[in-house]
Amino acid sequence: MPPALVKAHAALDRAVDLCYRPQPFESDRQRVEHLFALYEKLTNPLLPAGKKTRSRKRSG
């Protein structure tokens, strides 16, 4: 990658990181773990509380 593009990517990463927390991430892995934790926190209330099964009436 050309040096100017690498520099632009790094600047963009820093800007996006500041949208999620005040201190920068130490690694891409830390960034992804943080984002997945936020995603899980936001989507967890959307999931059903438990698996509901329908009971069937048996004839006979």
N, C-alpha and C. Protein backbone atom coordinates (compact mmCIF):
# COMPACT_ATOMS: atom_id res chain seq x y z
N MET A 1 0.85 -1.17 0.00
CA MET A 1 0.00 0.00 0.00
C MET A 1 0.90 1.25 0.00
N PRO A 2 0.56 2.23 -0.76
CA PRO A 2 1.35 3.47 -0.75
C PRO A 2 1.33 4.11 0.64
N PRO A 3 2.45 4.72 1.03
CA PRO A 3 2.54 5.33 2.37
C PRO A 3 1.42 6.33 2.67
N ALA A 4 1.03 7.10 1.68
CA ALA A 4 -0.04 8.09 1.92
C ALA A 4 -1.36 7.40 2.26
N LEU A 5 -1.61 6.26 1.63
CA LEU A 5 -2.84 5.52 1.89
C LEU A 5 -2.80 4.87 3.27
N VAL A 6 -1.64 4.36 3.66
CA VAL A 6 -1.48 3.79 5.00
C VAL A 6 -1.74 4.86 6.06
N LYS A 7 -1.19 6.05 5.81
CA LYS A 7 -1.39 7.17 6.75
C LYS A 7 -2.86 7.56 6.82
N ALA A 8 -3.54 7.58 5.69
CA ALA A 8 -4.96 7.93 5.66
C ALA A 8 -5.79 6.90 6.41
N HIS A 9 -5.47 5.61 6.24
CA HIS A 9 -6.19 4.55 6.96
C HIS A 9 -5.99 4.69 8.47
N ALA A 10 -4.77 4.98 8.89
CA ALA A 10 -4.48 5.13 10.31
C ALA A 10 -5.26 6.31 10.90
N ALA A 11 -5.32 7.41 10.17
CA ALA A 11 -6.06 8.58 10.64
C ALA A 11 -7.55 8.28 10.73
N LEU A 12 -8.07 7.55 9.77
CA LEU A 12 -9.48 7.18 9.79
C LEU A 12 -9.77 6.24 10.96
N ASP A 13 -8.88 5.28 11.20
CA ASP A 13 -9.06 4.37 12.35
C ASP A 13 -9.11 5.16 13.65
N ARG A 14 -8.21 6.12 13.82
CA ARG A 14 -8.20 6.93 15.06
C ARG A 14 -9.50 7.72 15.20
N ALA A 15 -9.98 8.29 14.12
CA ALA A 15 -11.22 9.08 14.16
C ALA A 15 -12.41 8.20 14.51
N VAL A 16 -12.50 7.02 13.91
CA VAL A 16 -13.61 6.12 14.20
C VAL A 16 -13.52 5.61 15.63
N ASP A 17 -12.30 5.28 16.08
CA ASP A 17 -12.12 4.81 17.46
C ASP A 17 -12.66 5.82 18.47
N LEU A 18 -12.43 7.10 18.21
CA LEU A 18 -12.90 8.14 19.13
C LEU A 18 -14.42 8.21 19.20
N CYS A 19 -15.10 7.68 18.19
CA CYS A 19 -16.56 7.64 18.22
C CYS A 19 -17.07 6.62 19.25
N TYR A 20 -16.24 5.65 19.57
CA TYR A 20 -16.67 4.57 20.46
C TYR A 20 -16.12 4.67 21.87
N ARG A 21 -14.97 5.28 22.03
CA ARG A 21 -14.41 5.47 23.37
C ARG A 21 -13.26 6.46 23.31
N PRO A 22 -12.93 7.12 24.43
CA PRO A 22 -11.94 8.19 24.41
C PRO A 22 -10.50 7.71 24.16
N GLN A 23 -10.14 6.53 24.63
CA GLN A 23 -8.77 6.05 24.44
C GLN A 23 -8.70 5.16 23.19
N PRO A 24 -7.58 5.19 22.49
CA PRO A 24 -7.46 4.38 21.27
C PRO A 24 -7.35 2.89 21.60
N PHE A 25 -7.71 2.07 20.65
CA PHE A 25 -7.56 0.63 20.80
C PHE A 25 -6.10 0.26 20.57
N GLU A 26 -5.64 -0.76 21.28
CA GLU A 26 -4.24 -1.18 21.14
C GLU A 26 -4.03 -2.09 19.94
N SER A 27 -5.11 -2.72 19.47
CA SER A 27 -4.98 -3.65 18.34
C SER A 27 -6.31 -3.78 17.61
N ASP A 28 -6.25 -4.34 16.43
CA ASP A 28 -7.48 -4.59 15.67
C ASP A 28 -8.36 -5.58 16.43
N ARG A 29 -7.75 -6.55 17.07
CA ARG A 29 -8.51 -7.54 17.83
C ARG A 29 -9.29 -6.86 18.96
N GLN A 30 -8.65 -5.97 19.68
CA GLN A 30 -9.32 -5.25 20.77
C GLN A 30 -10.49 -4.43 20.22
N ARG A 31 -10.30 -3.81 19.06
CA ARG A 31 -11.35 -3.02 18.43
C ARG A 31 -12.55 -3.92 18.09
N VAL A 32 -12.28 -5.05 17.46
CA VAL A 32 -13.35 -5.96 17.04
C VAL A 32 -14.08 -6.52 18.25
N GLU A 33 -13.35 -6.91 19.30
CA GLU A 33 -14.00 -7.42 20.52
C GLU A 33 -14.91 -6.36 21.13
N HIS A 34 -14.45 -5.13 21.16
CA HIS A 34 -15.25 -4.04 21.72
C HIS A 34 -16.53 -3.82 20.90
N LEU A 35 -16.37 -3.82 19.58
CA LEU A 35 -17.53 -3.59 18.71
C LEU A 35 -18.53 -4.74 18.80
N PHE A 36 -18.04 -5.98 18.87
CA PHE A 36 -18.96 -7.11 19.02
C PHE A 36 -19.68 -7.07 20.37
N ALA A 37 -18.99 -6.64 21.42
CA ALA A 37 -19.64 -6.51 22.73
C ALA A 37 -20.75 -5.46 22.68
N LEU A 38 -20.49 -4.34 22.00
CA LEU A 38 -21.53 -3.32 21.84
C LEU A 38 -22.71 -3.86 21.03
N TYR A 39 -22.40 -4.58 19.97
CA TYR A 39 -23.44 -5.17 19.13
C TYR A 39 -24.31 -6.14 19.94
N GLU A 40 -23.64 -6.98 20.73
CA GLU A 40 -24.37 -7.95 21.56
C GLU A 40 -25.26 -7.23 22.57
N LYS A 41 -24.75 -6.18 23.18
CA LYS A 41 -25.52 -5.41 24.16
C LYS A 41 -26.75 -4.78 23.52
N LEU A 42 -26.59 -4.28 22.30
CA LEU A 42 -27.71 -3.64 21.61
C LEU A 42 -28.74 -4.63 21.09
N THR A 43 -28.30 -5.80 20.65
CA THR A 43 -29.22 -6.75 20.04
C THR A 43 -29.79 -7.76 21.02
N ASN A 44 -29.20 -7.90 22.18
CA ASN A 44 -29.68 -8.89 23.15
C ASN A 44 -31.14 -8.70 23.51
N PRO A 45 -31.62 -7.47 23.74
CA PRO A 45 -33.05 -7.31 24.07
C PRO A 45 -33.98 -7.71 22.91
N LEU A 46 -33.46 -7.83 21.72
CA LEU A 46 -34.28 -8.19 20.57
C LEU A 46 -34.50 -9.70 20.48
N LEU A 47 -33.69 -10.48 21.17
CA LEU A 47 -33.80 -11.93 21.12
C LEU A 47 -34.88 -12.41 22.08
N PRO A 48 -35.55 -13.49 21.73
CA PRO A 48 -36.56 -14.03 22.65
C PRO A 48 -35.91 -14.51 23.95
N ALA A 49 -36.65 -14.39 25.06
CA ALA A 49 -36.12 -14.75 26.37
C ALA A 49 -35.79 -16.24 26.46
N GLY A 50 -36.60 -17.06 25.90
CA GLY A 50 -36.36 -18.50 25.93
C GLY A 50 -37.10 -19.16 24.80
N LYS A 51 -36.73 -20.36 24.53
CA LYS A 51 -37.38 -21.06 23.45
C LYS A 51 -38.74 -21.55 23.93
N LYS A 52 -39.78 -21.09 23.26
CA LYS A 52 -41.13 -21.48 23.63
C LYS A 52 -41.56 -22.61 22.72
N THR A 53 -42.15 -23.60 23.32
CA THR A 53 -42.67 -24.71 22.52
C THR A 53 -44.18 -24.73 22.67
N ARG A 54 -44.81 -25.10 21.62
CA ARG A 54 -46.27 -25.20 21.66
C ARG A 54 -46.64 -26.59 22.11
N SER A 55 -47.59 -26.64 23.00
CA SER A 55 -48.05 -27.95 23.45
C SER A 55 -49.15 -28.44 22.49
N ARG A 56 -49.11 -29.71 22.25
CA ARG A 56 -50.10 -30.30 21.34
C ARG A 56 -51.07 -31.12 22.17
N LYS A 57 -52.31 -30.94 21.87
CA LYS A 57 -53.34 -31.75 22.55
C LYS A 57 -53.39 -33.10 21.86
N ARG A 58 -53.32 -34.11 22.66
CA ARG A 58 -53.41 -35.46 22.10
C ARG A 58 -54.86 -35.93 22.19
N SER A 59 -55.30 -36.47 21.12
CA SER A 59 -56.66 -37.02 21.15
C SER A 59 -56.59 -38.47 21.58
N GLY A 60 -57.56 -38.86 22.34
CA GLY A 60 -57.62 -40.27 22.69
C GLY A 60 -57.65 -40.60 24.06
